[in-house]
PDB file of N, CA and C in Angstrom:
ATOM      1  N   MET A   1     -18.631  11.679   1.173  1.00  0.00           N
ATOM      2  CA  MET A   1     -18.046  10.378   0.975  1.00  0.00           C
ATOM      3  C   MET A   1     -16.535  10.481   1.172  1.00  0.00           C
ATOM      4  N   ALA A   2     -15.976   9.553   1.927  1.00  0.00           N
ATOM      5  CA  ALA A   2     -14.535   9.543   2.190  1.00  0.00           C
ATOM      6  C   ALA A   2     -13.777   9.085   0.950  1.00  0.00           C
ATOM      7  N   HIS A   3     -12.567   9.557   0.819  1.00  0.00           N
ATOM      8  CA  HIS A   3     -11.711   9.185  -0.296  1.00  0.00           C
ATOM      9  C   HIS A   3     -10.630   8.234   0.203  1.00  0.00           C
ATOM     10  N   PRO A   4     -10.177   7.300  -0.646  1.00  0.00           N
ATOM     11  CA  PRO A   4      -9.117   6.385  -0.236  1.00  0.00           C
ATOM     12  C   PRO A   4      -7.864   7.165   0.169  1.00  0.00           C
ATOM     13  N   GLN A   5      -7.290   6.777   1.291  1.00  0.00           N
ATOM     14  CA  GLN A   5      -6.097   7.469   1.762  1.00  0.00           C
ATOM     15  C   GLN A   5      -5.311   6.588   2.713  1.00  0.00           C
ATOM     16  N   ILE A   6      -4.058   6.915   2.865  1.00  0.00           N
ATOM     17  CA  ILE A   6      -3.207   6.318   3.887  1.00  0.00           C
ATOM     18  C   ILE A   6      -2.821   7.454   4.813  1.00  0.00           C
ATOM     19  N   ALA A   7      -3.130   7.304   6.082  1.00  0.00           N
ATOM     20  CA  ALA A   7      -2.813   8.336   7.064  1.00  0.00           C
ATOM     21  C   ALA A   7      -1.747   7.808   8.008  1.00  0.00           C
ATOM     22  N   ALA A   8      -0.736   8.620   8.275  1.00  0.00           N
ATOM     23  CA  ALA A   8       0.329   8.268   9.217  1.00  0.00           C
ATOM     24  C   ALA A   8       0.122   9.055  10.506  1.00  0.00           C
ATOM     25  N   PHE A   9       0.239   8.357  11.624  1.00  0.00           N
ATOM     26  CA  PHE A   9       0.063   8.985  12.932  1.00  0.00           C
ATOM     27  C   PHE A   9       1.338   8.832  13.751  1.00  0.00           C
ATOM     28  N   ALA A  10       1.548   9.739  14.665  1.00  0.00           N
ATOM     29  CA  ALA A  10       2.674   9.638  15.594  1.00  0.00           C
ATOM     30  C   ALA A  10       2.546   8.335  16.371  1.00  0.00           C
ATOM     31  N   ARG A  11       3.661   7.738  16.727  1.00  0.00           N
ATOM     32  CA  ARG A  11       3.654   6.452  17.427  1.00  0.00           C
ATOM     33  C   ARG A  11       2.835   6.490  18.712  1.00  0.00           C
ATOM     34  N   LEU A  12       2.860   7.587  19.419  1.00  0.00           N
ATOM     35  CA  LEU A  12       2.126   7.705  20.680  1.00  0.00           C
ATOM     36  C   LEU A  12       0.831   8.505  20.532  1.00  0.00           C
ATOM     37  N   ALA A  13       0.258   8.528  19.342  1.00  0.00           N
ATOM     38  CA  ALA A  13      -0.980   9.272  19.108  1.00  0.00           C
ATOM     39  C   ALA A  13      -2.108   8.726  19.975  1.00  0.00           C
ATOM     40  N   LYS A  14      -2.970   9.620  20.391  1.00  0.00           N
ATOM     41  CA  LYS A  14      -4.132   9.246  21.196  1.00  0.00           C
ATOM     42  C   LYS A  14      -5.394   9.575  20.410  1.00  0.00           C
ATOM     43  N   GLU A  15      -6.559   9.287  20.999  1.00  0.00           N
ATOM     44  CA  GLU A  15      -7.808   9.533  20.294  1.00  0.00           C
ATOM     45  C   GLU A  15      -7.910  10.984  19.834  1.00  0.00           C
ATOM     46  N   ASN A  16      -8.520  11.164  18.687  1.00  0.00           N
ATOM     47  CA  ASN A  16      -8.713  12.478  18.059  1.00  0.00           C
ATOM     48  C   ASN A  16      -7.415  13.148  17.618  1.00  0.00           C
ATOM     49  N   SER A  17      -6.324  12.393  17.545  1.00  0.00           N
ATOM     50  CA  SER A  17      -5.057  12.953  17.059  1.00  0.00           C
ATOM     51  C   SER A  17      -5.126  13.161  15.552  1.00  0.00           C
ATOM     52  N   GLN A  18      -4.542  14.223  15.081  1.00  0.00           N
ATOM     53  CA  GLN A  18      -4.453  14.480  13.649  1.00  0.00           C
ATOM     54  C   GLN A  18      -3.310  13.654  13.059  1.00  0.00           C
ATOM     55  N   PRO A  19      -3.452  13.187  11.818  1.00  0.00           N
ATOM     56  CA  PRO A  19      -2.339  12.472  11.189  1.00  0.00           C
ATOM     57  C   PRO A  19      -1.151  13.413  10.970  1.00  0.00           C
ATOM     58  N   THR A  20       0.044  12.853  11.004  1.00  0.00           N
ATOM     59  CA  THR A  20       1.248  13.637  10.724  1.00  0.00           C
ATOM     60  C   THR A  20       1.395  13.894   9.233  1.00  0.00           C
ATOM     61  N   ARG A  21       0.844  12.983   8.417  1.00  0.00           N
ATOM     62  CA  ARG A  21       0.799  13.166   6.965  1.00  0.00           C
ATOM     63  C   ARG A  21      -0.235  12.237   6.370  1.00  0.00           C
ATOM     64  N   VAL A  22      -0.689  12.577   5.174  1.00  0.00           N
ATOM     65  CA  VAL A  22      -1.722  11.799   4.488  1.00  0.00           C
ATOM     66  C   VAL A  22      -1.298  11.615   3.037  1.00  0.00           C
ATOM     67  N   LEU A  23      -1.470  10.407   2.545  1.00  0.00           N
ATOM     68  CA  LEU A  23      -1.225  10.089   1.143  1.00  0.00           C
ATOM     69  C   LEU A  23      -2.589   9.845   0.519  1.00  0.00           C
ATOM     70  N   ALA A  24      -2.997  10.686  -0.417  1.00  0.00           N
ATOM     71  CA  ALA A  24      -4.330  10.585  -1.019  1.00  0.00           C
ATOM     72  C   ALA A  24      -4.364  11.348  -2.330  1.00  0.00           C
ATOM     73  N   GLY A  25      -5.348  11.029  -3.136  1.00  0.00           N
ATOM     74  CA  GLY A  25      -5.538  11.741  -4.398  1.00  0.00           C
ATOM     75  C   GLY A  25      -5.451  10.810  -5.582  1.00  0.00           C
ATOM     76  N   GLN A  26      -5.857  11.317  -6.712  1.00  0.00           N
ATOM     77  CA  GLN A  26      -5.970  10.519  -7.923  1.00  0.00           C
ATOM     78  C   GLN A  26      -4.637   9.930  -8.389  1.00  0.00           C
ATOM     79  N   THR A  27      -3.559  10.678  -8.287  1.00  0.00           N
ATOM     80  CA  THR A  27      -2.274  10.174  -8.790  1.00  0.00           C
ATOM     81  C   THR A  27      -1.685   9.056  -7.935  1.00  0.00           C
ATOM     82  N   THR A  28      -2.198   8.855  -6.723  1.00  0.00           N
ATOM     83  CA  THR A  28      -1.694   7.775  -5.870  1.00  0.00           C
ATOM     84  C   THR A  28      -2.179   6.403  -6.332  1.00  0.00           C
ATOM     85  N   LEU A  29      -3.284   6.378  -7.077  1.00  0.00           N
ATOM     86  CA  LEU A  29      -3.921   5.145  -7.556  1.00  0.00           C
ATOM     87  C   LEU A  29      -4.496   4.300  -6.417  1.00  0.00           C
ATOM     88  N   LEU A  30      -4.666   4.881  -5.245  1.00  0.00           N
ATOM     89  CA  LEU A  30      -5.273   4.169  -4.125  1.00  0.00           C
ATOM     90  C   LEU A  30      -6.754   3.951  -4.399  1.00  0.00           C
ATOM     91  N   SER A  31      -7.303   2.875  -3.848  1.00  0.00           N
ATOM     92  CA  SER A  31      -8.730   2.595  -4.054  1.00  0.00           C
ATOM     93  C   SER A  31      -9.362   2.138  -2.749  1.00  0.00           C
ATOM     94  N   ARG A  32     -10.654   1.974  -2.782  1.00  0.00           N
ATOM     95  CA  ARG A  32     -11.391   1.526  -1.590  1.00  0.00           C
ATOM     96  C   ARG A  32     -11.171   0.057  -1.286  1.00  0.00           C
ATOM     97  N   THR A  33     -10.471  -0.665  -2.112  1.00  0.00           N
ATOM     98  CA  THR A  33     -10.262  -2.097  -1.903  1.00  0.00           C
ATOM     99  C   THR A  33      -8.894  -2.397  -1.301  1.00  0.00           C
ATOM    100  N   MET A  34      -8.321  -1.456  -0.596  1.00  0.00           N
ATOM    101  CA  MET A  34      -7.036  -1.694   0.077  1.00  0.00           C
ATOM    102  C   MET A  34      -7.315  -2.436   1.374  1.00  0.00           C
ATOM    103  N   HIS A  35      -6.920  -3.710   1.442  1.00  0.00           N
ATOM    104  CA  HIS A  35      -7.186  -4.496   2.634  1.00  0.00           C
ATOM    105  C   HIS A  35      -5.921  -4.860   3.385  1.00  0.00           C
ATOM    106  N   ASP A  36      -4.774  -4.516   2.862  1.00  0.00           N
ATOM    107  CA  ASP A  36      -3.527  -4.839   3.541  1.00  0.00           C
ATOM    108  C   ASP A  36      -2.470  -3.802   3.191  1.00  0.00           C
ATOM    109  N   ILE A  37      -1.620  -3.533   4.149  1.00  0.00           N
ATOM    110  CA  ILE A  37      -0.538  -2.572   3.965  1.00  0.00           C
ATOM    111  C   ILE A  37       0.659  -3.076   4.759  1.00  0.00           C
ATOM    112  N   ARG A  38       1.839  -2.925   4.194  1.00  0.00           N
ATOM    113  CA  ARG A  38       3.066  -3.351   4.868  1.00  0.00           C
ATOM    114  C   ARG A  38       4.128  -2.271   4.705  1.00  0.00           C
ATOM    115  N   TYR A  39       5.006  -2.195   5.691  1.00  0.00           N
ATOM    116  CA  TYR A  39       6.113  -1.245   5.638  1.00  0.00           C
ATOM    117  C   TYR A  39       7.416  -2.023   5.659  1.00  0.00           C
ATOM    118  N   ASP A  40       8.288  -1.724   4.730  1.00  0.00           N
ATOM    119  CA  ASP A  40       9.625  -2.309   4.645  1.00  0.00           C
ATOM    120  C   ASP A  40      10.601  -1.273   5.200  1.00  0.00           C
ATOM    121  N   ALA A  41      11.046  -1.471   6.438  1.00  0.00           N
ATOM    122  CA  ALA A  41      11.927  -0.502   7.100  1.00  0.00           C
ATOM    123  C   ALA A  41      13.334  -0.495   6.503  1.00  0.00           C
ATOM    124  N   VAL A  42      13.766  -1.610   5.946  1.00  0.00           N
ATOM    125  CA  VAL A  42      15.104  -1.680   5.348  1.00  0.00           C
ATOM    126  C   VAL A  42      15.199  -0.781   4.127  1.00  0.00           C
ATOM    127  N   HIS A  43      14.168  -0.813   3.274  1.00  0.00           N
ATOM    128  CA  HIS A  43      14.178  -0.027   2.042  1.00  0.00           C
ATOM    129  C   HIS A  43      13.316   1.232   2.138  1.00  0.00           C
ATOM    130  N   ASP A  44      12.697   1.461   3.294  1.00  0.00           N
ATOM    131  CA  ASP A  44      11.814   2.605   3.532  1.00  0.00           C
ATOM    132  C   ASP A  44      10.750   2.705   2.437  1.00  0.00           C
ATOM    133  N   GLU A  45       9.969   1.613   2.304  1.00  0.00           N
ATOM    134  CA  GLU A  45       8.917   1.553   1.297  1.00  0.00           C
ATOM    135  C   GLU A  45       7.618   1.059   1.924  1.00  0.00           C
ATOM    136  N   ILE A  46       6.503   1.541   1.387  1.00  0.00           N
ATOM    137  CA  ILE A  46       5.173   1.136   1.804  1.00  0.00           C
ATOM    138  C   ILE A  46       4.556   0.328   0.669  1.00  0.00           C
ATOM    139  N   PHE A  47       4.024  -0.853   0.988  1.00  0.00           N
ATOM    140  CA  PHE A  47       3.384  -1.731   0.010  1.00  0.00           C
ATOM    141  C   PHE A  47       1.895  -1.788   0.312  1.00  0.00           C
ATOM    142  N   VAL A  48       1.060  -1.571  -0.706  1.00  0.00           N
ATOM    143  CA  VAL A  48      -0.392  -1.587  -0.540  1.00  0.00           C
ATOM    144  C   VAL A  48      -0.991  -2.475  -1.617  1.00  0.00           C
ATOM    145  N   LYS A  49      -1.846  -3.400  -1.207  1.00  0.00           N
ATOM    146  CA  LYS A  49      -2.525  -4.285  -2.164  1.00  0.00           C
ATOM    147  C   LYS A  49      -3.810  -3.630  -2.629  1.00  0.00           C
ATOM    148  N   ASN A  50      -3.989  -3.534  -3.923  1.00  0.00           N
ATOM    149  CA  ASN A  50      -5.210  -3.001  -4.525  1.00  0.00           C
ATOM    150  C   ASN A  50      -5.898  -4.170  -5.231  1.00  0.00           C
ATOM    151  N   ALA A  51      -6.877  -4.773  -4.552  1.00  0.00           N
ATOM    152  CA  ALA A  51      -7.494  -6.006  -5.045  1.00  0.00           C
ATOM    153  C   ALA A  51      -8.205  -5.841  -6.385  1.00  0.00           C
ATOM    154  N   LEU A  52      -9.017  -4.811  -6.544  1.00  0.00           N
ATOM    155  CA  LEU A  52      -9.770  -4.654  -7.791  1.00  0.00           C
ATOM    156  C   LEU A  52      -8.869  -4.347  -8.985  1.00  0.00           C
ATOM    157  N   ALA A  53      -7.771  -3.654  -8.758  1.00  0.00           N
ATOM    158  CA  ALA A  53      -6.829  -3.373  -9.847  1.00  0.00           C
ATOM    159  C   ALA A  53      -5.859  -4.530 -10.050  1.00  0.00           C
ATOM    160  N   GLN A  54      -5.948  -5.539  -9.185  1.00  0.00           N
ATOM    161  CA  GLN A  54      -5.034  -6.678  -9.242  1.00  0.00           C
ATOM    162  C   GLN A  54      -3.592  -6.195  -9.285  1.00  0.00           C
ATOM    163  N   ALA A  55      -3.250  -5.360  -8.287  1.00  0.00           N
ATOM    164  CA  ALA A  55      -1.939  -4.732  -8.268  1.00  0.00           C
ATOM    165  C   ALA A  55      -1.436  -4.547  -6.844  1.00  0.00           C
ATOM    166  N   ILE A  56      -0.128  -4.412  -6.738  1.00  0.00           N
ATOM    167  CA  ILE A  56       0.520  -3.998  -5.498  1.00  0.00           C
ATOM    168  C   ILE A  56       1.200  -2.670  -5.798  1.00  0.00           C
ATOM    169  N   LEU A  57       0.857  -1.656  -5.023  1.00  0.00           N
ATOM    170  CA  LEU A  57       1.441  -0.326  -5.189  1.00  0.00           C
ATOM    171  C   LEU A  57       2.586  -0.162  -4.187  1.00  0.00           C
ATOM    172  N   VAL A  58       3.678   0.440  -4.641  1.00  0.00           N
ATOM    173  CA  VAL A  58       4.845   0.655  -3.776  1.00  0.00           C
ATOM    174  C   VAL A  58       5.111   2.149  -3.708  1.00  0.00           C
ATOM    175  N   PHE A  59       5.169   2.675  -2.477  1.00  0.00           N
ATOM    176  CA  PHE A  59       5.417   4.097  -2.249  1.00  0.00           C
ATOM    177  C   PHE A  59       6.676   4.286  -1.417  1.00  0.00           C
ATOM    178  N   LEU A  60       7.309   5.429  -1.562  1.00  0.00           N
ATOM    179  CA  LEU A  60       8.391   5.797  -0.653  1.00  0.00           C
ATOM    180  C   LEU A  60       7.823   5.869   0.759  1.00  0.00           C
ATOM    181  N   GLY A  61       8.606   5.537   1.748  1.00  0.00           N
ATOM    182  CA  GLY A  61       8.154   5.607   3.124  1.00  0.00           C
ATOM    183  C   GLY A  61       7.772   7.011   3.539  1.00  0.00           C
ATOM    184  N   SER A  62       8.332   8.003   2.900  1.00  0.00           N
ATOM    185  CA  SER A  62       8.059   9.409   3.230  1.00  0.00           C
ATOM    186  C   SER A  62       6.969  10.022   2.360  1.00  0.00           C
ATOM    187  N   ALA A  63       6.305   9.207   1.534  1.00  0.00           N
ATOM    188  CA  ALA A  63       5.300   9.735   0.598  1.00  0.00           C
ATOM    189  C   ALA A  63       4.177  10.453   1.339  1.00  0.00           C
ATOM    190  N   GLN A  64       3.704  11.524   0.719  1.00  0.00           N
ATOM    191  CA  GLN A  64       2.564  12.259   1.262  1.00  0.00           C
ATOM    192  C   GLN A  64       1.898  13.046   0.150  1.00  0.00           C
ATOM    193  N   GLY A  65       0.710  13.525   0.431  1.00  0.00           N
ATOM    194  CA  GLY A  65      -0.018  14.295  -0.581  1.00  0.00           C
ATOM    195  C   GLY A  65      -0.447  13.409  -1.732  1.00  0.00           C
ATOM    196  N   GLU A  66      -0.263  13.895  -2.951  1.00  0.00           N
ATOM    197  CA  GLU A  66      -0.672  13.158  -4.147  1.00  0.00           C
ATOM    198  C   GLU A  66       0.507  12.510  -4.859  1.00  0.00           C
ATOM    199  N   GLU A  67       1.455  11.960  -4.103  1.00  0.00           N
ATOM    200  CA  GLU A  67       2.613  11.318  -4.726  1.00  0.00           C
ATOM    201  C   GLU A  67       2.205  10.035  -5.434  1.00  0.00           C
ATOM    202  N   SER A  68       2.754   9.827  -6.600  1.00  0.00           N
ATOM    203  CA  SER A  68       2.519   8.599  -7.357  1.00  0.00           C
ATOM    204  C   SER A  68       3.334   7.461  -6.754  1.00  0.00           C
ATOM    205  N   PRO A  69       2.910   6.219  -6.988  1.00  0.00           N
ATOM    206  CA  PRO A  69       3.719   5.089  -6.533  1.00  0.00           C
ATOM    207  C   PRO A  69       5.069   5.079  -7.252  1.00  0.00           C
ATOM    208  N   ILE A  70       6.094   4.589  -6.563  1.00  0.00           N
ATOM    209  CA  ILE A  70       7.405   4.451  -7.215  1.00  0.00           C
ATOM    210  C   ILE A  70       7.488   3.132  -7.963  1.00  0.00           C
ATOM    211  N   GLY A  71       6.544   2.247  -7.706  1.00  0.00           N
ATOM    212  CA  GLY A  71       6.488   0.971  -8.402  1.00  0.00           C
ATOM    213  C   GLY A  71       5.085   0.397  -8.371  1.00  0.00           C
ATOM    214  N   ILE A  72       4.755  -0.363  -9.398  1.00  0.00           N
ATOM    215  CA  ILE A  72       3.467  -1.044  -9.460  1.00  0.00           C
ATOM    216  C   ILE A  72       3.731  -2.468  -9.940  1.00  0.00           C
ATOM    217  N   ILE A  73       3.330  -3.446  -9.128  1.00  0.00           N
ATOM    218  CA  ILE A  73       3.429  -4.847  -9.524  1.00  0.00           C
ATOM    219  C   ILE A  73       2.056  -5.223 -10.060  1.00  0.00           C
ATOM    220  N   GLN A  74       1.984  -5.491 -11.360  1.00  0.00           N
ATOM    221  CA  GLN A  74       0.684  -5.732 -11.990  1.00  0.00           C
ATOM    222  C   GLN A  74       0.903  -6.406 -13.332  1.00  0.00           C
ATOM    223  N   GLY A  75      -0.046  -7.212 -13.764  1.00  0.00           N
ATOM    224  CA  GLY A  75       0.024  -7.813 -15.090  1.00  0.00           C
ATOM    225  C   GLY A  75      -0.266  -9.299 -15.047  1.00  0.00           C
ATOM    226  N   PRO A  76      -0.475  -9.900 -16.216  1.00  0.00           N
ATOM    227  CA  PRO A  76      -0.905 -11.297 -16.295  1.00  0.00           C
ATOM    228  C   PRO A  76       0.106 -12.303 -15.739  1.00  0.00           C
ATOM    229  N   LYS A  77       1.384 -12.011 -15.748  1.00  0.00           N
ATOM    230  CA  LYS A  77       2.384 -12.958 -15.249  1.00  0.00           C
ATOM    231  C   LYS A  77       2.536 -12.925 -13.727  1.00  0.00           C
ATOM    232  N   THR A  78       1.918 -11.958 -13.061  1.00  0.00           N
ATOM    233  CA  THR A  78       2.054 -11.831 -11.612  1.00  0.00           C
ATOM    234  C   THR A  78       1.176 -12.799 -10.833  1.00  0.00           C
ATOM    235  N   ARG A  79       0.138 -13.341 -11.454  1.00  0.00           N
ATOM    236  CA  ARG A  79      -0.852 -14.206 -10.805  1.00  0.00           C
ATOM    237  C   ARG A  79      -1.639 -13.454  -9.740  1.00  0.00           C
ATOM    238  N   LEU A  80      -1.798 -12.156  -9.914  1.00  0.00           N
ATOM    239  CA  LEU A  80      -2.583 -11.351  -8.990  1.00  0.00           C
ATOM    240  C   LEU A  80      -4.059 -11.320  -9.368  1.00  0.00           C
ATOM    241  N   GLU A  81      -4.495 -12.203 -10.254  1.00  0.00           N
ATOM    242  CA  GLU A  81      -5.897 -12.212 -10.656  1.00  0.00           C
ATOM    243  C   GLU A  81      -6.781 -12.678  -9.497  1.00  0.00           C
ATOM    244  N   GLY A  82      -8.052 -12.347  -9.588  1.00  0.00           N
ATOM    245  CA  GLY A  82      -8.978 -12.719  -8.528  1.00  0.00           C
ATOM    246  C   GLY A  82      -8.871 -11.768  -7.347  1.00  0.00           C
ATOM    247  N   TYR A  83      -9.516 -12.143  -6.278  1.00  0.00           N
ATOM    248  CA  TYR A  83      -9.581 -11.264  -5.122  1.00  0.00           C
ATOM    249  C   TYR A  83      -8.484 -11.610  -4.117  1.00  0.00           C
ATOM    250  N   VAL A  84      -7.279 -11.213  -4.411  1.00  0.00           N
ATOM    251  CA  VAL A  84      -6.143 -11.409  -3.517  1.00  0.00           C
ATOM    252  C   VAL A  84      -6.027 -10.157  -2.658  1.00  0.00           C
ATOM    253  N   ASP A  85      -6.111 -10.313  -1.344  1.00  0.00           N
ATOM    254  CA  ASP A  85      -6.106  -9.106  -0.514  1.00  0.00           C
ATOM    255  C   ASP A  85      -5.085  -9.121   0.616  1.00  0.00           C
ATOM    256  N   ARG A  86      -4.217 -10.100   0.681  1.00  0.00           N
ATOM    257  CA  ARG A  86      -3.201 -10.142   1.736  1.00  0.00           C
ATOM    258  C   ARG A  86      -1.808 -10.155   1.114  1.00  0.00           C
ATOM    259  N   LEU A  87      -0.892  -9.454   1.763  1.00  0.00           N
ATOM    260  CA  LEU A  87       0.481  -9.443   1.280  1.00  0.00           C
ATOM    261  C   LEU A  87       1.437  -9.328   2.452  1.00  0.00           C
ATOM    262  N   ASP A  88       2.699  -9.621   2.184  1.00  0.00           N
ATOM    263  CA  ASP A  88       3.751  -9.431   3.162  1.00  0.00           C
ATOM    264  C   ASP A  88       5.037  -9.155   2.400  1.00  0.00           C
ATOM    265  N   VAL A  89       6.004  -8.573   3.077  1.00  0.00           N
ATOM    266  CA  VAL A  89       7.286  -8.267   2.445  1.00  0.00           C
ATOM    267  C   VAL A  89       8.410  -8.890   3.267  1.00  0.00           C
ATOM    268  N   ASP A  90       9.449  -9.301   2.568  1.00  0.00           N
ATOM    269  CA  ASP A  90      10.665  -9.830   3.186  1.00  0.00           C
ATOM    270  C   ASP A  90      11.809  -8.936   2.733  1.00  0.00           C
ATOM    271  N   PRO A  91      12.189  -7.936   3.554  1.00  0.00           N
ATOM    272  CA  PRO A  91      13.222  -7.004   3.137  1.00  0.00           C
ATOM    273  C   PRO A  91      14.613  -7.638   3.045  1.00  0.00           C
ATOM    274  N   VAL A  92      14.844  -8.726   3.761  1.00  0.00           N
ATOM    275  CA  VAL A  92      16.150  -9.387   3.727  1.00  0.00           C
ATOM    276  C   VAL A  92      16.392 -10.023   2.360  1.00  0.00           C
ATOM    277  N   HIS A  93      15.367 -10.704   1.834  1.00  0.00           N
ATOM    278  CA  HIS A  93      15.492 -11.359   0.530  1.00  0.00           C
ATOM    279  C   HIS A  93      14.906 -10.523  -0.601  1.00  0.00           C
ATOM    280  N   ASN A  94      14.410  -9.328  -0.260  1.00  0.00           N
ATOM    281  CA  ASN A  94      13.869  -8.397  -1.246  1.00  0.00           C
ATOM    282  C   ASN A  94      12.728  -9.030  -2.047  1.00  0.00           C
ATOM    283  N   GLU A  95      11.754  -9.644  -1.308  1.00  0.00           N
ATOM    284  CA  GLU A  95      10.634 -10.317  -1.944  1.00  0.00           C
ATOM    285  C   GLU A  95       9.309  -9.805  -1.370  1.00  0.00           C
ATOM    286  N   THR A  96       8.269  -9.924  -2.175  1.00  0.00           N
ATOM    287  CA  THR A  96       6.910  -9.585  -1.760  1.00  0.00           C
ATOM    288  C   THR A  96       6.079 -10.849  -1.886  1.00  0.00           C
ATOM    289  N   TYR A  97       5.267 -11.145  -0.869  1.00  0.00           N
ATOM    290  CA  TYR A  97       4.444 -12.352  -0.865  1.00  0.00           C
ATOM    291  C   TYR A  97       2.968 -11.986  -0.901  1.00  0.00           C
ATOM    292  N   ILE A  98       2.177 -12.798  -1.582  1.00  0.00           N
ATOM    293  CA  ILE A  98       0.730 -12.646  -1.593  1.00  0.00           C
ATOM    294  C   ILE A  98       0.096 -14.001  -1.315  1.00  0.00           C
ATOM    295  N   THR A  99      -1.141 -13.994  -0.826  1.00  0.00           N
ATOM    296  CA  THR A  99      -1.900 -15.242  -0.731  1.00  0.00           C
ATOM    297  C   THR A  99      -2.680 -15.385  -2.022  1.00  0.00           C
ATOM    298  N   HIS A 100      -2.962 -16.597  -2.389  1.00  0.00           N
ATOM    299  CA  HIS A 100      -3.724 -16.841  -3.620  1.00  0.00           C
ATOM    300  C   HIS A 100      -4.859 -17.790  -3.295  1.00  0.00           C
ATOM    301  N   PRO A 101      -6.093 -17.469  -3.695  1.00  0.00           N
ATOM    302  CA  PRO A 101      -7.259 -18.256  -3.300  1.00  0.00           C
ATOM    303  C   PRO A 101      -7.404 -19.613  -3.982  1.00  0.00           C
ATOM    304  N   GLU A 102      -6.536 -19.976  -4.886  1.00  0.00           N
ATOM    305  CA  GLU A 102      -6.668 -21.273  -5.601  1.00  0.00           C
ATOM    306  C   GLU A 102      -6.395 -22.423  -4.699  1.00  0.00           C
TER     307      GLU A 102
END
């Protein structure tokens, strides 16, 4: 059984290319319900939506191995309840956007 992971590949990678690095493991808090991922080039951060945990995980752009998130957006005031699976980031205004099914 495959484990949840984020794999980074070289920009010009071709079929059967090995990833340049992999972010995986228990301390990453990644799950099988990751349906969206965004990269903020201004702040060098990776944003991943975890629908079942009702959370957005934030990693350093250089994260690899079993690195923990540098931030977690989660809790009753976030309105991340339900099955929210899309997100986007605005690095200019330093904001994170989600869709809400209501």
